[in-house]
Amino acid sequence: MEKEHTGPRRSRWTFLTNHARVLIAIARDPGIRLRDIAANCDLTERTVQAIVTDLQADGYLTRTRDGRRNRYVIAPGARFRHPAEADREIAGLLTYLIGPLTAPAAAAGEGPNDTPGGRAEDVPATESPA
């Protein structure tokens, strides 16, 4: 019997999309440069720029200038886009993959933001756990 998932017939798909990989890289380091994200995710800088623009346009993150660099803030109250996961926040995935996100608004007792892409619960992206 032939083993599953071995041999030349194995496809090259992965479980996480490029958008998820870029968001995870930003969550690990909110001051990361696009060229570093590109290198870590095996993408071109142009592709990373387009992904960051998508994520920003859809309310998953905000970008601010910090001198000559960009800093990013992830909005974990934003929900997944696919109908099968639309009742879940992206914060759960990020927490699972990189550890807990810091949430100053949550510490103040505010409730979760139910609007996809809303920014009432913007949370600074966290660094990798030690």
C-alpha atoms as a PDB file:
ATOM      1  CA  MET A   1       0.000   0.000   0.000  1.00  0.00           C
ATOM      2  CA  GLU A   2       1.319   3.457  -0.949  1.00  0.00           C
ATOM      3  CA  LYS A   3       1.968   5.855   1.931  1.00  0.00           C
ATOM      4  CA  GLU A   4      -0.080   9.011   2.054  1.00  0.00           C
ATOM      5  CA  HIS A   5       1.609  12.413   1.516  1.00  0.00           C
ATOM      6  CA  THR A   6       4.883  11.057   0.126  1.00  0.00           C
ATOM      7  CA  GLY A   7       6.430  10.762  -3.279  1.00  0.00           C
ATOM      8  CA  PRO A   8       6.370  13.015  -6.325  1.00  0.00           C
ATOM      9  CA  ARG A   9       2.572  13.451  -6.291  1.00  0.00           C
ATOM     10  CA  ARG A  10       2.688  15.571  -3.140  1.00  0.00           C
ATOM     11  CA  SER A  11       1.380  19.079  -3.799  1.00  0.00           C
ATOM     12  CA  ARG A  12       2.987  22.247  -2.480  1.00  0.00           C
ATOM     13  CA  TRP A  13       0.018  23.818  -0.679  1.00  0.00           C
ATOM     14  CA  THR A  14       0.199  25.057   2.898  1.00  0.00           C
ATOM     15  CA  PHE A  15      -2.363  25.635   5.628  1.00  0.00           C
ATOM     16  CA  LEU A  16      -1.709  29.359   6.053  1.00  0.00           C
ATOM     17  CA  THR A  17      -2.164  31.936   3.311  1.00  0.00           C
ATOM     18  CA  ASN A  18       0.389  34.627   2.559  1.00  0.00           C
ATOM     19  CA  HIS A  19      -1.956  37.143   4.186  1.00  0.00           C
ATOM     20  CA  ALA A  20      -1.923  35.096   7.408  1.00  0.00           C
ATOM     21  CA  ARG A  21       1.874  34.793   7.322  1.00  0.00           C
ATOM     22  CA  VAL A  22       2.302  38.551   6.899  1.00  0.00           C
ATOM     23  CA  LEU A  23      -0.153  39.266   9.725  1.00  0.00           C
ATOM     24  CA  ILE A  24       1.686  36.807  11.994  1.00  0.00           C
ATOM     25  CA  ALA A  25       5.047  38.457  11.187  1.00  0.00           C
ATOM     26  CA  ILE A  26       3.581  41.849  12.080  1.00  0.00           C
ATOM     27  CA  ALA A  27       2.047  40.481  15.290  1.00  0.00           C
ATOM     28  CA  ARG A  28       5.483  39.189  16.323  1.00  0.00           C
ATOM     29  CA  ASP A  29       7.181  42.524  15.600  1.00  0.00           C
ATOM     30  CA  PRO A  30       4.991  45.605  15.038  1.00  0.00           C
ATOM     31  CA  GLY A  31       8.004  47.587  13.773  1.00  0.00           C
ATOM     32  CA  ILE A  32       9.152  44.988  11.242  1.00  0.00           C
ATOM     33  CA  ARG A  33      10.275  46.222   7.818  1.00  0.00           C
ATOM     34  CA  LEU A  34       8.521  44.997   4.693  1.00  0.00           C
ATOM     35  CA  ARG A  35      11.810  43.600   3.360  1.00  0.00           C
ATOM     36  CA  ASP A  36      12.169  41.502   6.525  1.00  0.00           C
ATOM     37  CA  ILE A  37       8.606  40.220   6.209  1.00  0.00           C
ATOM     38  CA  ALA A  38       9.331  39.364   2.574  1.00  0.00           C
ATOM     39  CA  ALA A  39      12.454  37.421   3.537  1.00  0.00           C
ATOM     40  CA  ASN A  40      10.710  35.576   6.393  1.00  0.00           C
ATOM     41  CA  CYS A  41       7.664  34.680   4.294  1.00  0.00           C
ATOM     42  CA  ASP A  42       9.557  33.936   1.058  1.00  0.00           C
ATOM     43  CA  LEU A  43       7.665  36.664  -0.829  1.00  0.00           C
ATOM     44  CA  THR A  44       8.665  39.720  -2.793  1.00  0.00           C
ATOM     45  CA  GLU A  45       8.549  43.141  -1.150  1.00  0.00           C
ATOM     46  CA  ARG A  46       5.932  44.211  -3.686  1.00  0.00           C
ATOM     47  CA  THR A  47       3.705  41.264  -2.711  1.00  0.00           C
ATOM     48  CA  VAL A  48       4.117  42.064   0.987  1.00  0.00           C
ATOM     49  CA  GLN A  49       3.235  45.714   0.320  1.00  0.00           C
ATOM     50  CA  ALA A  50       0.058  44.650  -1.502  1.00  0.00           C
ATOM     51  CA  ILE A  51      -0.867  42.292   1.354  1.00  0.00           C
ATOM     52  CA  VAL A  52      -0.284  44.985   4.002  1.00  0.00           C
ATOM     53  CA  THR A  53      -2.462  47.349   1.939  1.00  0.00           C
ATOM     54  CA  ASP A  54      -5.198  44.677   1.776  1.00  0.00           C
ATOM     55  CA  LEU A  55      -5.013  44.070   5.526  1.00  0.00           C
ATOM     56  CA  GLN A  56      -5.141  47.788   6.235  1.00  0.00           C
ATOM     57  CA  ALA A  57      -8.024  48.434   3.809  1.00  0.00           C
ATOM     58  CA  ASP A  58     -10.072  45.633   5.392  1.00  0.00           C
ATOM     59  CA  GLY A  59      -9.450  46.875   8.932  1.00  0.00           C
ATOM     60  CA  TYR A  60      -7.149  44.122  10.157  1.00  0.00           C
ATOM     61  CA  LEU A  61      -4.344  46.545  10.951  1.00  0.00           C
ATOM     62  CA  THR A  62      -3.413  50.196  10.983  1.00  0.00           C
ATOM     63  CA  ARG A  63      -0.098  51.650   9.939  1.00  0.00           C
ATOM     64  CA  THR A  64       1.549  54.722  11.424  1.00  0.00           C
ATOM     65  CA  ARG A  65       4.877  56.397  10.752  1.00  0.00           C
ATOM     66  CA  ASP A  66       7.493  56.257  13.495  1.00  0.00           C
ATOM     67  CA  GLY A  67      10.320  58.386  12.139  1.00  0.00           C
ATOM     68  CA  ARG A  68      11.479  56.684   8.958  1.00  0.00           C
ATOM     69  CA  ARG A  69       9.798  53.382   9.856  1.00  0.00           C
ATOM     70  CA  ASN A  70       6.242  52.088   9.941  1.00  0.00           C
ATOM     71  CA  ARG A  71       4.616  50.666  13.060  1.00  0.00           C
ATOM     72  CA  TYR A  72       1.579  48.450  12.851  1.00  0.00           C
ATOM     73  CA  VAL A  73      -1.352  47.911  15.197  1.00  0.00           C
ATOM     74  CA  ILE A  74      -3.461  44.790  14.744  1.00  0.00           C
ATOM     75  CA  ALA A  75      -7.218  44.962  15.291  1.00  0.00           C
ATOM     76  CA  PRO A  76      -7.911  41.485  16.750  1.00  0.00           C
ATOM     77  CA  GLY A  77     -11.635  42.248  17.049  1.00  0.00           C
ATOM     78  CA  ALA A  78     -11.726  41.809  13.289  1.00  0.00           C
ATOM     79  CA  ARG A  79     -13.224  38.532  12.200  1.00  0.00           C
ATOM     80  CA  PHE A  80     -12.183  35.981   9.598  1.00  0.00           C
ATOM     81  CA  ARG A  81     -13.522  36.685   6.131  1.00  0.00           C
ATOM     82  CA  HIS A  82     -14.730  33.222   5.110  1.00  0.00           C
ATOM     83  CA  PRO A  83     -18.327  32.426   6.146  1.00  0.00           C
ATOM     84  CA  ALA A  84     -17.221  29.168   7.790  1.00  0.00           C
ATOM     85  CA  GLU A  85     -15.085  31.113  10.308  1.00  0.00           C
ATOM     86  CA  ALA A  86     -16.852  34.496  10.287  1.00  0.00           C
ATOM     87  CA  ASP A  87     -17.930  34.059  13.919  1.00  0.00           C
ATOM     88  CA  ARG A  88     -14.275  33.853  15.041  1.00  0.00           C
ATOM     89  CA  GLU A  89     -11.840  36.671  15.717  1.00  0.00           C
ATOM     90  CA  ILE A  90      -8.354  36.610  14.210  1.00  0.00           C
ATOM     91  CA  ALA A  91      -6.954  37.153  17.708  1.00  0.00           C
ATOM     92  CA  GLY A  92      -7.541  33.460  18.456  1.00  0.00           C
ATOM     93  CA  LEU A  93      -5.295  32.377  15.581  1.00  0.00           C
ATOM     94  CA  LEU A  94      -2.611  34.912  16.457  1.00  0.00           C
ATOM     95  CA  THR A  95      -2.693  33.908  20.127  1.00  0.00           C
ATOM     96  CA  TYR A  96      -2.426  30.238  19.194  1.00  0.00           C
ATOM     97  CA  LEU A  97       0.554  30.836  16.907  1.00  0.00           C
ATOM     98  CA  ILE A  98       2.534  33.523  18.764  1.00  0.00           C
ATOM     99  CA  GLY A  99       1.129  33.827  22.282  1.00  0.00           C
ATOM    100  CA  PRO A 100      -1.255  36.273  23.928  1.00  0.00           C
ATOM    101  CA  LEU A 101      -1.795  39.707  22.447  1.00  0.00           C
ATOM    102  CA  THR A 102      -1.612  42.627  24.852  1.00  0.00           C
ATOM    103  CA  ALA A 103      -4.929  44.446  25.051  1.00  0.00           C
ATOM    104  CA  PRO A 104      -5.008  47.734  26.974  1.00  0.00           C
ATOM    105  CA  ALA A 105      -8.666  48.242  26.003  1.00  0.00           C
ATOM    106  CA  ALA A 106      -9.593  44.749  27.208  1.00  0.00           C
ATOM    107  CA  ALA A 107      -7.890  45.397  30.543  1.00  0.00           C
ATOM    108  CA  ALA A 108     -10.163  48.440  30.960  1.00  0.00           C
ATOM    109  CA  GLY A 109     -13.201  46.131  30.727  1.00  0.00           C
ATOM    110  CA  GLU A 110     -14.376  47.037  27.240  1.00  0.00           C
ATOM    111  CA  GLY A 111     -16.263  44.379  25.297  1.00  0.00           C
ATOM    112  CA  PRO A 112     -15.181  42.882  21.960  1.00  0.00           C
ATOM    113  CA  ASN A 113     -15.819  44.752  18.743  1.00  0.00           C
ATOM    114  CA  ASP A 114     -18.330  42.819  16.665  1.00  0.00           C
ATOM    115  CA  THR A 115     -17.800  44.679  13.407  1.00  0.00           C
ATOM    116  CA  PRO A 116     -15.487  43.060  10.873  1.00  0.00           C
ATOM    117  CA  GLY A 117     -12.577  45.381  10.395  1.00  0.00           C
ATOM    118  CA  GLY A 118     -13.736  47.719  13.155  1.00  0.00           C
ATOM    119  CA  ARG A 119     -11.047  49.496  15.134  1.00  0.00           C
ATOM    120  CA  ALA A 120     -12.575  50.092  18.567  1.00  0.00           C
ATOM    121  CA  GLU A 121     -10.359  47.383  20.038  1.00  0.00           C
ATOM    122  CA  ASP A 122      -7.099  48.127  18.256  1.00  0.00           C
ATOM    123  CA  VAL A 123      -4.373  46.272  20.063  1.00  0.00           C
ATOM    124  CA  PRO A 124      -0.656  46.781  19.590  1.00  0.00           C
ATOM    125  CA  ALA A 125       0.958  43.760  18.028  1.00  0.00           C
ATOM    126  CA  THR A 126       3.105  41.832  20.465  1.00  0.00           C
ATOM    127  CA  GLU A 127       6.646  40.603  20.246  1.00  0.00           C
ATOM    128  CA  SER A 128       7.449  36.916  20.220  1.00  0.00           C
ATOM    129  CA  PRO A 129       7.161  35.233  23.594  1.00  0.00           C
ATOM    130  CA  ALA A 130      10.495  34.717  25.334  1.00  0.00           C
END
